[in-house]
Amino acid sequence: MDLVSQRSPRLTFDFGGDGFVVRREDLALAGLEGYSALRQSLIRLLAAKRLKPATNQYMNFDFQRQYANAHLETVTLADSIALTRNLDLQVEIGA
């Protein structure tokens, strides 16, 4: 689920999250539950064909029948340019 707010023709905010469940029939395989929360994106339109998105996201993974879980927080910056009407080029860097 996402909530998008367009503050101006050149500035958009996107807040959202999602969840997922994976169940396995074979007990030797681990199932998975997880969610992505506090996903935040800031998208700036620099020119008619150029976007500069920035995203911060928190993710949680819980593996069933295992003694492990994972918590991730990512930050990405990107630069996107429209090459043609149907083709965009986007470069991202993140940690």
PDB file of N, CA and C in Angstrom:
ATOM      1  N   MET A   1       0.847  -1.151   0.000  1.00  0.00           N
ATOM      2  CA  MET A   1       0.000   0.000   0.000  1.00  0.00           C
ATOM      3  C   MET A   1       0.904   1.229   0.000  1.00  0.00           C
ATOM      4  N   ASP A   2       0.575   2.179  -0.813  1.00  0.00           N
ATOM      5  CA  ASP A   2       1.336   3.410  -0.898  1.00  0.00           C
ATOM      6  C   ASP A   2       0.405   4.616  -0.849  1.00  0.00           C
ATOM      7  N   LEU A   3       0.911   5.674  -0.299  1.00  0.00           N
ATOM      8  CA  LEU A   3       0.232   6.967  -0.309  1.00  0.00           C
ATOM      9  C   LEU A   3       1.151   7.924  -1.041  1.00  0.00           C
ATOM     10  N   VAL A   4       0.654   8.499  -2.127  1.00  0.00           N
ATOM     11  CA  VAL A   4       1.457   9.393  -2.952  1.00  0.00           C
ATOM     12  C   VAL A   4       0.884  10.795  -2.855  1.00  0.00           C
ATOM     13  N   SER A   5       1.762  11.748  -2.618  1.00  0.00           N
ATOM     14  CA  SER A   5       1.354  13.149  -2.529  1.00  0.00           C
ATOM     15  C   SER A   5       2.181  13.962  -3.508  1.00  0.00           C
ATOM     16  N   GLN A   6       1.507  14.557  -4.472  1.00  0.00           N
ATOM     17  CA  GLN A   6       2.200  15.420  -5.426  1.00  0.00           C
ATOM     18  C   GLN A   6       2.083  16.856  -4.925  1.00  0.00           C
ATOM     19  N   ARG A   7       3.190  17.376  -4.421  1.00  0.00           N
ATOM     20  CA  ARG A   7       3.197  18.705  -3.802  1.00  0.00           C
ATOM     21  C   ARG A   7       3.260  19.814  -4.838  1.00  0.00           C
ATOM     22  N   SER A   8       3.841  19.542  -5.973  1.00  0.00           N
ATOM     23  CA  SER A   8       3.907  20.489  -7.078  1.00  0.00           C
ATOM     24  C   SER A   8       4.122  19.677  -8.349  1.00  0.00           C
ATOM     25  N   PRO A   9       4.071  20.299  -9.511  1.00  0.00           N
ATOM     26  CA  PRO A   9       4.318  19.536 -10.740  1.00  0.00           C
ATOM     27  C   PRO A   9       5.718  18.909 -10.790  1.00  0.00           C
ATOM     28  N   ARG A  10       6.642  19.386  -9.961  1.00  0.00           N
ATOM     29  CA  ARG A  10       8.011  18.878  -9.987  1.00  0.00           C
ATOM     30  C   ARG A  10       8.436  18.131  -8.719  1.00  0.00           C
ATOM     31  N   LEU A  11       7.532  17.953  -7.739  1.00  0.00           N
ATOM     32  CA  LEU A  11       7.907  17.320  -6.481  1.00  0.00           C
ATOM     33  C   LEU A  11       6.805  16.366  -6.020  1.00  0.00           C
ATOM     34  N   THR A  12       7.179  15.084  -5.792  1.00  0.00           N
ATOM     35  CA  THR A  12       6.241  14.057  -5.362  1.00  0.00           C
ATOM     36  C   THR A  12       6.832  13.294  -4.184  1.00  0.00           C
ATOM     37  N   PHE A  13       6.004  12.994  -3.166  1.00  0.00           N
ATOM     38  CA  PHE A  13       6.381  12.157  -2.039  1.00  0.00           C
ATOM     39  C   PHE A  13       5.599  10.859  -2.123  1.00  0.00           C
ATOM     40  N   ASP A  14       6.242   9.743  -1.804  1.00  0.00           N
ATOM     41  CA  ASP A  14       5.610   8.426  -1.827  1.00  0.00           C
ATOM     42  C   ASP A  14       5.956   7.728  -0.515  1.00  0.00           C
ATOM     43  N   PHE A  15       4.935   7.352   0.276  1.00  0.00           N
ATOM     44  CA  PHE A  15       5.102   6.644   1.539  1.00  0.00           C
ATOM     45  C   PHE A  15       4.353   5.325   1.427  1.00  0.00           C
ATOM     46  N   GLY A  16       4.967   4.218   1.872  1.00  0.00           N
ATOM     47  CA  GLY A  16       4.244   2.962   1.746  1.00  0.00           C
ATOM     48  C   GLY A  16       4.919   1.802   2.436  1.00  0.00           C
ATOM     49  N   GLY A  17       4.318   0.638   2.240  1.00  0.00           N
ATOM     50  CA  GLY A  17       4.831  -0.595   2.802  1.00  0.00           C
ATOM     51  C   GLY A  17       4.121  -1.778   2.186  1.00  0.00           C
ATOM     52  N   ASP A  18       4.661  -2.972   2.431  1.00  0.00           N
ATOM     53  CA  ASP A  18       4.023  -4.187   1.956  1.00  0.00           C
ATOM     54  C   ASP A  18       4.444  -5.353   2.836  1.00  0.00           C
ATOM     55  N   GLY A  19       3.765  -6.464   2.686  1.00  0.00           N
ATOM     56  CA  GLY A  19       4.077  -7.652   3.458  1.00  0.00           C
ATOM     57  C   GLY A  19       4.048  -8.876   2.570  1.00  0.00           C
ATOM     58  N   PHE A  20       4.678  -9.966   3.041  1.00  0.00           N
ATOM     59  CA  PHE A  20       4.708 -11.186   2.250  1.00  0.00           C
ATOM     60  C   PHE A  20       4.849 -12.397   3.170  1.00  0.00           C
ATOM     61  N   VAL A  21       4.339 -13.528   2.695  1.00  0.00           N
ATOM     62  CA  VAL A  21       4.408 -14.795   3.417  1.00  0.00           C
ATOM     63  C   VAL A  21       4.746 -15.878   2.401  1.00  0.00           C
ATOM     64  N   VAL A  22       5.737 -16.724   2.735  1.00  0.00           N
ATOM     65  CA  VAL A  22       6.110 -17.868   1.904  1.00  0.00           C
ATOM     66  C   VAL A  22       6.009 -19.106   2.783  1.00  0.00           C
ATOM     67  N   ARG A  23       5.207 -20.072   2.380  1.00  0.00           N
ATOM     68  CA  ARG A  23       5.058 -21.325   3.113  1.00  0.00           C
ATOM     69  C   ARG A  23       5.518 -22.468   2.215  1.00  0.00           C
ATOM     70  N   ARG A  24       6.296 -23.391   2.771  1.00  0.00           N
ATOM     71  CA  ARG A  24       6.819 -24.541   2.029  1.00  0.00           C
ATOM     72  C   ARG A  24       6.140 -25.816   2.516  1.00  0.00           C
ATOM     73  N   GLU A  25       5.845 -26.739   1.610  1.00  0.00           N
ATOM     74  CA  GLU A  25       5.261 -28.027   1.995  1.00  0.00           C
ATOM     75  C   GLU A  25       6.297 -28.922   2.652  1.00  0.00           C
ATOM     76  N   ASP A  26       7.509 -28.902   2.166  1.00  0.00           N
ATOM     77  CA  ASP A  26       8.580 -29.730   2.710  1.00  0.00           C
ATOM     78  C   ASP A  26       9.119 -29.073   3.978  1.00  0.00           C
ATOM     79  N   LEU A  27       9.123 -29.822   5.082  1.00  0.00           N
ATOM     80  CA  LEU A  27       9.578 -29.272   6.358  1.00  0.00           C
ATOM     81  C   LEU A  27      11.070 -28.984   6.379  1.00  0.00           C
ATOM     82  N   ALA A  28      11.819 -29.513   5.423  1.00  0.00           N
ATOM     83  CA  ALA A  28      13.255 -29.242   5.363  1.00  0.00           C
ATOM     84  C   ALA A  28      13.539 -27.838   4.826  1.00  0.00           C
ATOM     85  N   LEU A  29      12.547 -27.223   4.207  1.00  0.00           N
ATOM     86  CA  LEU A  29      12.720 -25.889   3.654  1.00  0.00           C
ATOM     87  C   LEU A  29      12.131 -24.844   4.593  1.00  0.00           C
ATOM     88  N   ALA A  30      12.799 -23.745   4.719  1.00  0.00           N
ATOM     89  CA  ALA A  30      12.342 -22.673   5.616  1.00  0.00           C
ATOM     90  C   ALA A  30      11.285 -21.818   4.931  1.00  0.00           C
ATOM     91  N   GLY A  31      10.253 -21.503   5.678  1.00  0.00           N
ATOM     92  CA  GLY A  31       9.274 -20.536   5.210  1.00  0.00           C
ATOM     93  C   GLY A  31       9.769 -19.137   5.535  1.00  0.00           C
ATOM     94  N   LEU A  32       9.010 -18.154   5.138  1.00  0.00           N
ATOM     95  CA  LEU A  32       9.448 -16.782   5.311  1.00  0.00           C
ATOM     96  C   LEU A  32       8.247 -15.875   5.522  1.00  0.00           C
ATOM     97  N   GLU A  33       8.374 -14.969   6.466  1.00  0.00           N
ATOM     98  CA  GLU A  33       7.409 -13.892   6.650  1.00  0.00           C
ATOM     99  C   GLU A  33       8.210 -12.609   6.663  1.00  0.00           C
ATOM    100  N   GLY A  34       7.638 -11.577   6.137  1.00  0.00           N
ATOM    101  CA  GLY A  34       8.367 -10.326   6.158  1.00  0.00           C
ATOM    102  C   GLY A  34       7.505  -9.151   5.792  1.00  0.00           C
ATOM    103  N   TYR A  35       8.079  -7.999   5.963  1.00  0.00           N
ATOM    104  CA  TYR A  35       7.382  -6.777   5.588  1.00  0.00           C
ATOM    105  C   TYR A  35       8.399  -5.701   5.241  1.00  0.00           C
ATOM    106  N   SER A  36       7.929  -4.782   4.486  1.00  0.00           N
ATOM    107  CA  SER A  36       8.689  -3.596   4.145  1.00  0.00           C
ATOM    108  C   SER A  36       7.859  -2.424   4.641  1.00  0.00           C
ATOM    109  N   ALA A  37       8.426  -1.662   5.534  1.00  0.00           N
ATOM    110  CA  ALA A  37       7.667  -0.570   6.143  1.00  0.00           C
ATOM    111  C   ALA A  37       8.466   0.717   6.048  1.00  0.00           C
ATOM    112  N   LEU A  38       7.793   1.793   6.254  1.00  0.00           N
ATOM    113  CA  LEU A  38       8.431   3.106   6.258  1.00  0.00           C
ATOM    114  C   LEU A  38       9.184   3.387   4.969  1.00  0.00           C
ATOM    115  N   ARG A  39       8.662   2.843   3.874  1.00  0.00           N
ATOM    116  CA  ARG A  39       9.263   3.140   2.573  1.00  0.00           C
ATOM    117  C   ARG A  39       8.926   4.585   2.221  1.00  0.00           C
ATOM    118  N   GLN A  40       9.936   5.375   1.976  1.00  0.00           N
ATOM    119  CA  GLN A  40       9.742   6.786   1.679  1.00  0.00           C
ATOM    120  C   GLN A  40      10.515   7.143   0.422  1.00  0.00           C
ATOM    121  N   SER A  41       9.856   7.798  -0.498  1.00  0.00           N
ATOM    122  CA  SER A  41      10.529   8.238  -1.712  1.00  0.00           C
ATOM    123  C   SER A  41      10.256   9.716  -1.946  1.00  0.00           C
ATOM    124  N   LEU A  42      11.270  10.390  -2.397  1.00  0.00           N
ATOM    125  CA  LEU A  42      11.172  11.788  -2.813  1.00  0.00           C
ATOM    126  C   LEU A  42      11.575  11.809  -4.277  1.00  0.00           C
ATOM    127  N   ILE A  43      10.689  12.271  -5.134  1.00  0.00           N
ATOM    128  CA  ILE A  43      10.966  12.285  -6.563  1.00  0.00           C
ATOM    129  C   ILE A  43      10.902  13.726  -7.056  1.00  0.00           C
ATOM    130  N   ARG A  44      12.025  14.194  -7.571  1.00  0.00           N
ATOM    131  CA  ARG A  44      12.099  15.555  -8.113  1.00  0.00           C
ATOM    132  C   ARG A  44      12.221  15.484  -9.622  1.00  0.00           C
ATOM    133  N   LEU A  45      11.399  16.236 -10.296  1.00  0.00           N
ATOM    134  CA  LEU A  45      11.463  16.337 -11.737  1.00  0.00           C
ATOM    135  C   LEU A  45      12.322  17.556 -12.062  1.00  0.00           C
ATOM    136  N   LEU A  46      13.508  17.317 -12.609  1.00  0.00           N
ATOM    137  CA  LEU A  46      14.421  18.420 -12.909  1.00  0.00           C
ATOM    138  C   LEU A  46      14.080  19.099 -14.222  1.00  0.00           C
ATOM    139  N   ALA A  47      13.722  18.306 -15.203  1.00  0.00           N
ATOM    140  CA  ALA A  47      13.336  18.819 -16.516  1.00  0.00           C
ATOM    141  C   ALA A  47      12.259  17.879 -17.041  1.00  0.00           C
ATOM    142  N   ALA A  48      11.762  18.141 -18.220  1.00  0.00           N
ATOM    143  CA  ALA A  48      10.671  17.328 -18.755  1.00  0.00           C
ATOM    144  C   ALA A  48      11.040  15.860 -18.875  1.00  0.00           C
ATOM    145  N   LYS A  49      12.322  15.541 -19.011  1.00  0.00           N
ATOM    146  CA  LYS A  49      12.731  14.159 -19.231  1.00  0.00           C
ATOM    147  C   LYS A  49      13.671  13.629 -18.159  1.00  0.00           C
ATOM    148  N   ARG A  50      13.810  14.306 -17.016  1.00  0.00           N
ATOM    149  CA  ARG A  50      14.811  13.889 -16.031  1.00  0.00           C
ATOM    150  C   ARG A  50      14.231  13.840 -14.622  1.00  0.00           C
ATOM    151  N   LEU A  51      14.393  12.690 -13.943  1.00  0.00           N
ATOM    152  CA  LEU A  51      13.925  12.499 -12.567  1.00  0.00           C
ATOM    153  C   LEU A  51      15.114  12.230 -11.651  1.00  0.00           C
ATOM    154  N   LYS A  52      15.005  12.658 -10.387  1.00  0.00           N
ATOM    155  CA  LYS A  52      16.016  12.377  -9.360  1.00  0.00           C
ATOM    156  C   LYS A  52      15.310  11.769  -8.147  1.00  0.00           C
ATOM    157  N   PRO A  53      15.052  10.447  -8.137  1.00  0.00           N
ATOM    158  CA  PRO A  53      14.406   9.847  -6.971  1.00  0.00           C
ATOM    159  C   PRO A  53      15.408   9.520  -5.853  1.00  0.00           C
ATOM    160  N   ALA A  54      14.944   9.617  -4.611  1.00  0.00           N
ATOM    161  CA  ALA A  54      15.704   9.201  -3.421  1.00  0.00           C
ATOM    162  C   ALA A  54      14.755   8.368  -2.564  1.00  0.00           C
ATOM    163  N   THR A  55      15.235   7.208  -2.072  1.00  0.00           N
ATOM    164  CA  THR A  55      14.381   6.288  -1.328  1.00  0.00           C
ATOM    165  C   THR A  55      15.071   5.815  -0.058  1.00  0.00           C
ATOM    166  N   ASN A  56      14.287   5.711   1.019  1.00  0.00           N
ATOM    167  CA  ASN A  56      14.728   5.118   2.281  1.00  0.00           C
ATOM    168  C   ASN A  56      13.725   4.018   2.602  1.00  0.00           C
ATOM    169  N   GLN A  57      14.218   2.802   2.939  1.00  0.00           N
ATOM    170  CA  GLN A  57      13.312   1.690   3.173  1.00  0.00           C
ATOM    171  C   GLN A  57      13.827   0.815   4.310  1.00  0.00           C
ATOM    172  N   TYR A  58      12.896   0.341   5.152  1.00  0.00           N
ATOM    173  CA  TYR A  58      13.194  -0.611   6.230  1.00  0.00           C
ATOM    174  C   TYR A  58      12.504  -1.926   5.894  1.00  0.00           C
ATOM    175  N   MET A  59      13.237  -3.047   5.960  1.00  0.00           N
ATOM    176  CA  MET A  59      12.670  -4.354   5.667  1.00  0.00           C
ATOM    177  C   MET A  59      12.992  -5.328   6.798  1.00  0.00           C
ATOM    178  N   ASN A  60      12.061  -6.248   7.054  1.00  0.00           N
ATOM    179  CA  ASN A  60      12.233  -7.275   8.085  1.00  0.00           C
ATOM    180  C   ASN A  60      11.896  -8.629   7.476  1.00  0.00           C
ATOM    181  N   PHE A  61      12.755  -9.625   7.720  1.00  0.00           N
ATOM    182  CA  PHE A  61      12.538 -10.990   7.260  1.00  0.00           C
ATOM    183  C   PHE A  61      12.621 -11.925   8.462  1.00  0.00           C
ATOM    184  N   ASP A  62      11.618 -12.783   8.656  1.00  0.00           N
ATOM    185  CA  ASP A  62      11.612 -13.813   9.692  1.00  0.00           C
ATOM    186  C   ASP A  62      11.516 -15.166   9.009  1.00  0.00           C
ATOM    187  N   PHE A  63      12.530 -15.998   9.177  1.00  0.00           N
ATOM    188  CA  PHE A  63      12.559 -17.320   8.560  1.00  0.00           C
ATOM    189  C   PHE A  63      11.944 -18.326   9.521  1.00  0.00           C
ATOM    190  N   GLN A  64      10.944 -19.071   9.058  1.00  0.00           N
ATOM    191  CA  GLN A  64      10.248 -20.058   9.874  1.00  0.00           C
ATOM    192  C   GLN A  64      11.103 -21.310  10.032  1.00  0.00           C
ATOM    193  N   ARG A  65      10.981 -21.985  11.177  1.00  0.00           N
ATOM    194  CA  ARG A  65      11.714 -23.209  11.501  1.00  0.00           C
ATOM    195  C   ARG A  65      13.223 -23.001  11.439  1.00  0.00           C
ATOM    196  N   GLN A  66      13.657 -21.777  11.567  1.00  0.00           N
ATOM    197  CA  GLN A  66      15.080 -21.455  11.585  1.00  0.00           C
ATOM    198  C   GLN A  66      15.327 -20.505  12.747  1.00  0.00           C
ATOM    199  N   TYR A  67      16.550 -20.384  13.161  1.00  0.00           N
ATOM    200  CA  TYR A  67      16.893 -19.457  14.235  1.00  0.00           C
ATOM    201  C   TYR A  67      17.519 -18.201  13.654  1.00  0.00           C
ATOM    202  N   ALA A  68      16.841 -17.623  12.694  1.00  0.00           N
ATOM    203  CA  ALA A  68      17.434 -16.455  12.042  1.00  0.00           C
ATOM    204  C   ALA A  68      16.349 -15.485  11.616  1.00  0.00           C
ATOM    205  N   ASN A  69      16.737 -14.252  11.562  1.00  0.00           N
ATOM    206  CA  ASN A  69      15.914 -13.210  10.964  1.00  0.00           C
ATOM    207  C   ASN A  69      16.855 -12.126  10.459  1.00  0.00           C
ATOM    208  N   ALA A  70      16.320 -11.213   9.706  1.00  0.00           N
ATOM    209  CA  ALA A  70      17.157 -10.152   9.141  1.00  0.00           C
ATOM    210  C   ALA A  70      16.387  -8.842   9.165  1.00  0.00           C
ATOM    211  N   HIS A  71      17.087  -7.788   9.452  1.00  0.00           N
ATOM    212  CA  HIS A  71      16.536  -6.435   9.428  1.00  0.00           C
ATOM    213  C   HIS A  71      17.443  -5.615   8.512  1.00  0.00           C
ATOM    214  N   LEU A  72      16.866  -4.954   7.552  1.00  0.00           N
ATOM    215  CA  LEU A  72      17.640  -4.176   6.592  1.00  0.00           C
ATOM    216  C   LEU A  72      17.099  -2.762   6.511  1.00  0.00           C
ATOM    217  N   GLU A  73      17.985  -1.820   6.400  1.00  0.00           N
ATOM    218  CA  GLU A  73      17.593  -0.448   6.098  1.00  0.00           C
ATOM    219  C   GLU A  73      18.431  -0.002   4.917  1.00  0.00           C
ATOM    220  N   THR A  74      17.776   0.455   3.879  1.00  0.00           N
ATOM    221  CA  THR A  74      18.487   0.850   2.672  1.00  0.00           C
ATOM    222  C   THR A  74      18.185   2.303   2.329  1.00  0.00           C
ATOM    223  N   VAL A  75      19.164   2.926   1.716  1.00  0.00           N
ATOM    224  CA  VAL A  75      19.025   4.281   1.194  1.00  0.00           C
ATOM    225  C   VAL A  75      19.558   4.255  -0.233  1.00  0.00           C
ATOM    226  N   THR A  76      18.777   4.750  -1.173  1.00  0.00           N
ATOM    227  CA  THR A  76      19.224   4.800  -2.559  1.00  0.00           C
ATOM    228  C   THR A  76      19.001   6.184  -3.139  1.00  0.00           C
ATOM    229  N   LEU A  77      19.901   6.579  -3.998  1.00  0.00           N
ATOM    230  CA  LEU A  77      19.787   7.798  -4.791  1.00  0.00           C
ATOM    231  C   LEU A  77      19.854   7.386  -6.252  1.00  0.00           C
ATOM    232  N   ALA A  78      19.105   8.039  -7.086  1.00  0.00           N
ATOM    233  CA  ALA A  78      19.061   7.646  -8.494  1.00  0.00           C
ATOM    234  C   ALA A  78      19.000   8.870  -9.388  1.00  0.00           C
ATOM    235  N   ASP A  79      19.316   8.629 -10.637  1.00  0.00           N
ATOM    236  CA  ASP A  79      19.184   9.635 -11.685  1.00  0.00           C
ATOM    237  C   ASP A  79      18.563   8.925 -12.871  1.00  0.00           C
ATOM    238  N   SER A  80      17.482   9.451 -13.388  1.00  0.00           N
ATOM    239  CA  SER A  80      16.753   8.823 -14.475  1.00  0.00           C
ATOM    240  C   SER A  80      16.525   9.834 -15.586  1.00  0.00           C
ATOM    241  N   ILE A  81      16.728   9.383 -16.813  1.00  0.00           N
ATOM    242  CA  ILE A  81      16.500  10.255 -17.959  1.00  0.00           C
ATOM    243  C   ILE A  81      15.727   9.480 -19.023  1.00  0.00           C
ATOM    244  N   ALA A  82      14.764  10.131 -19.631  1.00  0.00           N
ATOM    245  CA  ALA A  82      13.978   9.517 -20.698  1.00  0.00           C
ATOM    246  C   ALA A  82      14.775   9.597 -21.994  1.00  0.00           C
ATOM    247  N   LEU A  83      15.125   8.443 -22.557  1.00  0.00           N
ATOM    248  CA  LEU A  83      15.869   8.409 -23.811  1.00  0.00           C
ATOM    249  C   LEU A  83      14.934   8.529 -25.001  1.00  0.00           C
ATOM    250  N   THR A  84      13.816   7.808 -24.925  1.00  0.00           N
ATOM    251  CA  THR A  84      12.760   7.906 -25.931  1.00  0.00           C
ATOM    252  C   THR A  84      11.434   7.896 -25.189  1.00  0.00           C
ATOM    253  N   ARG A  85      10.356   7.906 -25.922  1.00  0.00           N
ATOM    254  CA  ARG A  85       9.036   7.897 -25.292  1.00  0.00           C
ATOM    255  C   ARG A  85       8.810   6.632 -24.468  1.00  0.00           C
ATOM    256  N   ASN A  86       9.389   5.495 -24.898  1.00  0.00           N
ATOM    257  CA  ASN A  86       9.173   4.212 -24.229  1.00  0.00           C
ATOM    258  C   ASN A  86      10.408   3.654 -23.527  1.00  0.00           C
ATOM    259  N   LEU A  87      11.497   4.403 -23.448  1.00  0.00           N
ATOM    260  CA  LEU A  87      12.732   3.874 -22.895  1.00  0.00           C
ATOM    261  C   LEU A  87      13.386   4.901 -21.963  1.00  0.00           C
ATOM    262  N   ASP A  88      13.611   4.476 -20.711  1.00  0.00           N
ATOM    263  CA  ASP A  88      14.286   5.301 -19.712  1.00  0.00           C
ATOM    264  C   ASP A  88      15.592   4.647 -19.323  1.00  0.00           C
ATOM    265  N   LEU A  89      16.551   5.456 -18.929  1.00  0.00           N
ATOM    266  CA  LEU A  89      17.811   4.973 -18.365  1.00  0.00           C
ATOM    267  C   LEU A  89      17.878   5.478 -16.947  1.00  0.00           C
ATOM    268  N   GLN A  90      18.076   4.544 -15.981  1.00  0.00           N
ATOM    269  CA  GLN A  90      18.165   4.939 -14.572  1.00  0.00           C
ATOM    270  C   GLN A  90      19.408   4.332 -13.962  1.00  0.00           C
ATOM    271  N   VAL A  91      20.155   5.133 -13.236  1.00  0.00           N
ATOM    272  CA  VAL A  91      21.339   4.699 -12.516  1.00  0.00           C
ATOM    273  C   VAL A  91      21.062   4.921 -11.029  1.00  0.00           C
ATOM    274  N   GLU A  92      21.307   3.869 -10.225  1.00  0.00           N
ATOM    275  CA  GLU A  92      21.069   3.960  -8.775  1.00  0.00           C
ATOM    276  C   GLU A  92      22.339   3.635  -8.016  1.00  0.00           C
ATOM    277  N   ILE A  93      22.478   4.258  -6.864  1.00  0.00           N
ATOM    278  CA  ILE A  93      23.542   3.943  -5.924  1.00  0.00           C
ATOM    279  C   ILE A  93      22.900   3.888  -4.543  1.00  0.00           C
ATOM    280  N   GLY A  94      23.338   2.943  -3.742  1.00  0.00           N
ATOM    281  CA  GLY A  94      22.702   2.813  -2.445  1.00  0.00           C
ATOM    282  C   GLY A  94      23.562   2.071  -1.444  1.00  0.00           C
ATOM    283  N   ALA A  95      23.099   2.109  -0.228  1.00  0.00           N
ATOM    284  CA  ALA A  95      23.774   1.400   0.852  1.00  0.00           C
ATOM    285  C   ALA A  95      22.732   0.837   1.786  1.00  0.00           C
TER     286      ALA A  95
END
